[in-house]
């Protein structure tokens, strides 16, 4: 597809074993689609890390004892 259709072609270099694993898992969706979804998920995780870091900077670190208490209440 062309860039006008919302896609842009890229060339990436990765370990042979990684490439083989992607090909094995990609199945009928194709190598590029698999890699594009993986990159999109990583970008989501990076954005979440940014939010968490910002929140911790603004409000301080999470109190692990408080988290443990909340988790114990949820487990009931």
N, C-alpha and C. Protein backbone atom coordinates (compact mmCIF):
# COMPACT_ATOMS: atom_id res chain seq x y z
N UNK A 1 0.84 -1.19 0.00
CA UNK A 1 0.00 0.00 0.00
C UNK A 1 0.88 1.25 0.00
N UNK A 2 0.34 2.33 -0.44
CA UNK A 2 1.11 3.56 -0.53
C UNK A 2 0.98 4.37 0.75
N UNK A 3 1.87 5.35 0.91
CA UNK A 3 1.81 6.24 2.07
C UNK A 3 0.49 6.99 2.08
N UNK A 4 -0.07 7.27 0.93
CA UNK A 4 -1.34 7.98 0.85
C UNK A 4 -2.46 7.17 1.48
N UNK A 5 -2.32 5.85 1.49
CA UNK A 5 -3.34 4.98 2.08
C UNK A 5 -3.13 4.80 3.58
N UNK A 6 -2.15 5.48 4.16
CA UNK A 6 -1.91 5.39 5.59
C UNK A 6 -0.79 4.45 5.99
N UNK A 7 -0.04 3.98 5.04
CA UNK A 7 1.07 3.08 5.33
C UNK A 7 2.36 3.64 4.75
N UNK A 8 3.46 3.31 5.39
CA UNK A 8 4.78 3.68 4.87
C UNK A 8 5.69 2.47 5.01
N UNK A 9 6.40 2.15 3.96
CA UNK A 9 7.28 1.00 3.96
C UNK A 9 8.59 1.35 4.67
N UNK A 10 9.07 0.40 5.50
CA UNK A 10 10.33 0.57 6.22
C UNK A 10 11.16 -0.69 6.07
N UNK A 11 12.44 -0.53 6.27
CA UNK A 11 13.34 -1.66 6.29
C UNK A 11 13.90 -1.78 7.70
N UNK A 12 13.82 -2.97 8.29
CA UNK A 12 14.36 -3.18 9.63
C UNK A 12 15.34 -4.34 9.61
N UNK A 13 16.26 -4.30 10.53
CA UNK A 13 17.24 -5.37 10.68
C UNK A 13 17.01 -6.03 12.03
N UNK A 14 16.94 -7.36 12.04
CA UNK A 14 16.74 -8.08 13.29
C UNK A 14 17.51 -9.39 13.23
N UNK A 15 17.68 -9.99 14.39
CA UNK A 15 18.36 -11.28 14.46
C UNK A 15 17.63 -12.30 13.60
N UNK A 16 18.38 -13.21 13.02
CA UNK A 16 17.79 -14.25 12.18
C UNK A 16 16.78 -15.06 12.98
N UNK A 17 17.10 -15.40 14.21
CA UNK A 17 16.18 -16.21 15.01
C UNK A 17 14.88 -15.45 15.28
N UNK A 18 14.97 -14.14 15.51
CA UNK A 18 13.77 -13.33 15.72
C UNK A 18 12.93 -13.33 14.46
N UNK A 19 13.56 -13.13 13.33
CA UNK A 19 12.86 -13.11 12.05
C UNK A 19 12.16 -14.44 11.80
N UNK A 20 12.85 -15.53 12.08
CA UNK A 20 12.25 -16.86 11.88
C UNK A 20 11.06 -17.06 12.81
N UNK A 21 11.19 -16.60 14.06
CA UNK A 21 10.08 -16.73 15.01
C UNK A 21 8.87 -15.91 14.56
N UNK A 22 9.13 -14.71 14.05
CA UNK A 22 8.02 -13.87 13.55
C UNK A 22 7.34 -14.57 12.39
N UNK A 23 8.11 -15.07 11.45
CA UNK A 23 7.52 -15.76 10.29
C UNK A 23 6.67 -16.95 10.74
N UNK A 24 7.17 -17.69 11.74
CA UNK A 24 6.43 -18.86 12.24
C UNK A 24 5.12 -18.44 12.90
N UNK A 25 5.11 -17.31 13.59
CA UNK A 25 3.91 -16.86 14.31
C UNK A 25 2.97 -16.02 13.44
N UNK A 26 3.52 -15.36 12.45
CA UNK A 26 2.71 -14.42 11.65
C UNK A 26 1.59 -15.11 10.90
N UNK A 27 1.85 -16.30 10.46
CA UNK A 27 0.81 -17.04 9.74
C UNK A 27 0.28 -16.25 8.56
N UNK A 28 -1.03 -16.32 8.38
CA UNK A 28 -1.65 -15.71 7.21
C UNK A 28 -1.72 -14.19 7.30
N UNK A 29 -1.53 -13.61 8.51
CA UNK A 29 -1.62 -12.14 8.62
C UNK A 29 -0.40 -11.47 8.01
N UNK A 30 0.71 -12.19 7.89
CA UNK A 30 1.89 -11.66 7.24
C UNK A 30 2.88 -11.02 8.18
N UNK A 31 4.11 -11.04 7.76
CA UNK A 31 5.24 -10.55 8.54
C UNK A 31 5.07 -9.08 8.90
N UNK A 32 4.78 -8.25 7.92
CA UNK A 32 4.67 -6.80 8.16
C UNK A 32 3.55 -6.47 9.14
N UNK A 33 2.40 -7.12 8.99
CA UNK A 33 1.28 -6.86 9.90
C UNK A 33 1.63 -7.27 11.32
N UNK A 34 2.31 -8.40 11.48
CA UNK A 34 2.72 -8.88 12.80
C UNK A 34 3.66 -7.87 13.45
N UNK A 35 4.66 -7.44 12.71
CA UNK A 35 5.63 -6.48 13.25
C UNK A 35 4.96 -5.15 13.55
N UNK A 36 4.06 -4.69 12.68
CA UNK A 36 3.35 -3.43 12.92
C UNK A 36 2.53 -3.49 14.20
N UNK A 37 1.85 -4.62 14.45
CA UNK A 37 1.08 -4.76 15.69
C UNK A 37 2.00 -4.79 16.91
N UNK A 38 3.15 -5.45 16.79
CA UNK A 38 4.09 -5.51 17.90
C UNK A 38 4.64 -4.12 18.23
N UNK A 39 4.95 -3.35 17.22
CA UNK A 39 5.45 -1.98 17.42
C UNK A 39 4.35 -1.12 18.04
N UNK A 40 3.13 -1.26 17.57
CA UNK A 40 2.01 -0.49 18.14
C UNK A 40 1.83 -0.82 19.62
N UNK A 41 1.92 -2.10 19.99
CA UNK A 41 1.82 -2.49 21.41
C UNK A 41 2.95 -1.89 22.22
N UNK A 42 4.16 -1.87 21.67
CA UNK A 42 5.29 -1.29 22.39
C UNK A 42 5.09 0.21 22.59
N UNK A 43 4.58 0.89 21.58
CA UNK A 43 4.30 2.33 21.72
C UNK A 43 3.27 2.58 22.82
N UNK A 44 2.25 1.71 22.91
CA UNK A 44 1.26 1.83 23.99
C UNK A 44 1.92 1.66 25.35
N UNK A 45 2.80 0.68 25.47
CA UNK A 45 3.52 0.46 26.73
C UNK A 45 4.41 1.64 27.07
N UNK A 46 5.08 2.19 26.07
CA UNK A 46 5.94 3.35 26.30
C UNK A 46 5.12 4.54 26.80
N UNK A 47 3.94 4.74 26.20
CA UNK A 47 3.07 5.84 26.63
C UNK A 47 2.59 5.61 28.06
N UNK A 48 2.27 4.38 28.41
CA UNK A 48 1.86 4.07 29.78
C UNK A 48 3.01 4.33 30.75
N UNK A 49 4.22 3.93 30.37
CA UNK A 49 5.39 4.22 31.21
C UNK A 49 5.54 5.72 31.43
N UNK A 50 5.31 6.51 30.39
CA UNK A 50 5.40 7.98 30.52
C UNK A 50 4.37 8.49 31.53
N UNK A 51 3.15 7.98 31.45
CA UNK A 51 2.09 8.40 32.38
C UNK A 51 2.45 8.00 33.80
N UNK A 52 2.91 6.77 33.97
CA UNK A 52 3.29 6.30 35.31
C UNK A 52 4.43 7.13 35.89
N UNK A 53 5.43 7.43 35.07
CA UNK A 53 6.55 8.24 35.53
C UNK A 53 6.08 9.63 35.92
N UNK A 54 5.22 10.23 35.12
CA UNK A 54 4.69 11.56 35.40
C UNK A 54 3.89 11.56 36.70
N UNK A 55 3.07 10.53 36.87
CA UNK A 55 2.25 10.42 38.09
C UNK A 55 3.14 10.25 39.31
N UNK A 56 4.17 9.42 39.20
CA UNK A 56 5.08 9.21 40.33
C UNK A 56 5.84 10.49 40.66
N UNK A 57 6.24 11.23 39.65
CA UNK A 57 6.93 12.50 39.87
C UNK A 57 6.01 13.49 40.58
N UNK A 58 4.76 13.50 40.17
CA UNK A 58 3.79 14.45 40.73
C UNK A 58 3.32 14.06 42.13
N UNK A 59 3.10 12.75 42.37
CA UNK A 59 2.47 12.30 43.60
C UNK A 59 3.37 11.44 44.49
N UNK A 60 4.55 11.12 44.03
CA UNK A 60 5.45 10.28 44.81
C UNK A 60 5.30 8.81 44.45
N UNK A 61 6.22 8.03 44.97
CA UNK A 61 6.24 6.60 44.68
C UNK A 61 5.05 5.90 45.31
N UNK A 62 4.67 4.79 44.71
CA UNK A 62 3.57 3.98 45.23
C UNK A 62 4.03 3.31 46.52
N UNK A 63 3.16 3.31 47.52
CA UNK A 63 3.43 2.65 48.79
C UNK A 63 3.12 1.16 48.62
N UNK A 64 4.14 0.33 48.62
CA UNK A 64 3.95 -1.10 48.36
C UNK A 64 3.08 -1.77 49.42
N UNK A 65 3.15 -1.30 50.67
CA UNK A 65 2.28 -1.86 51.72
C UNK A 65 0.82 -1.56 51.43
N UNK A 66 0.55 -0.37 50.94
CA UNK A 66 -0.82 0.00 50.58
C UNK A 66 -1.32 -0.85 49.42
N UNK A 67 -0.45 -1.08 48.45
CA UNK A 67 -0.82 -1.93 47.31
C UNK A 67 -1.13 -3.34 47.79
N UNK A 68 -0.29 -3.87 48.68
CA UNK A 68 -0.51 -5.22 49.21
C UNK A 68 -1.85 -5.30 49.95
N UNK A 69 -2.18 -4.28 50.71
CA UNK A 69 -3.45 -4.26 51.44
C UNK A 69 -4.64 -4.24 50.47
N UNK A 70 -4.53 -3.44 49.43
CA UNK A 70 -5.61 -3.37 48.43
C UNK A 70 -5.76 -4.72 47.72
N UNK A 71 -4.65 -5.32 47.35
CA UNK A 71 -4.69 -6.62 46.67
C UNK A 71 -5.31 -7.68 47.57
N UNK A 72 -5.00 -7.63 48.87
CA UNK A 72 -5.58 -8.59 49.81
C UNK A 72 -7.10 -8.41 49.90
N UNK A 73 -7.55 -7.16 49.92
CA UNK A 73 -9.00 -6.88 49.95
C UNK A 73 -9.67 -7.39 48.68
N UNK A 74 -9.03 -7.20 47.54
CA UNK A 74 -9.60 -7.65 46.28
C UNK A 74 -9.65 -9.17 46.17
N UNK A 75 -8.74 -9.84 46.84
CA UNK A 75 -8.66 -11.29 46.78
C UNK A 75 -9.77 -11.97 47.58
N UNK A 76 -10.45 -11.23 48.43
CA UNK A 76 -11.53 -11.82 49.26
C UNK A 76 -12.72 -12.17 48.46
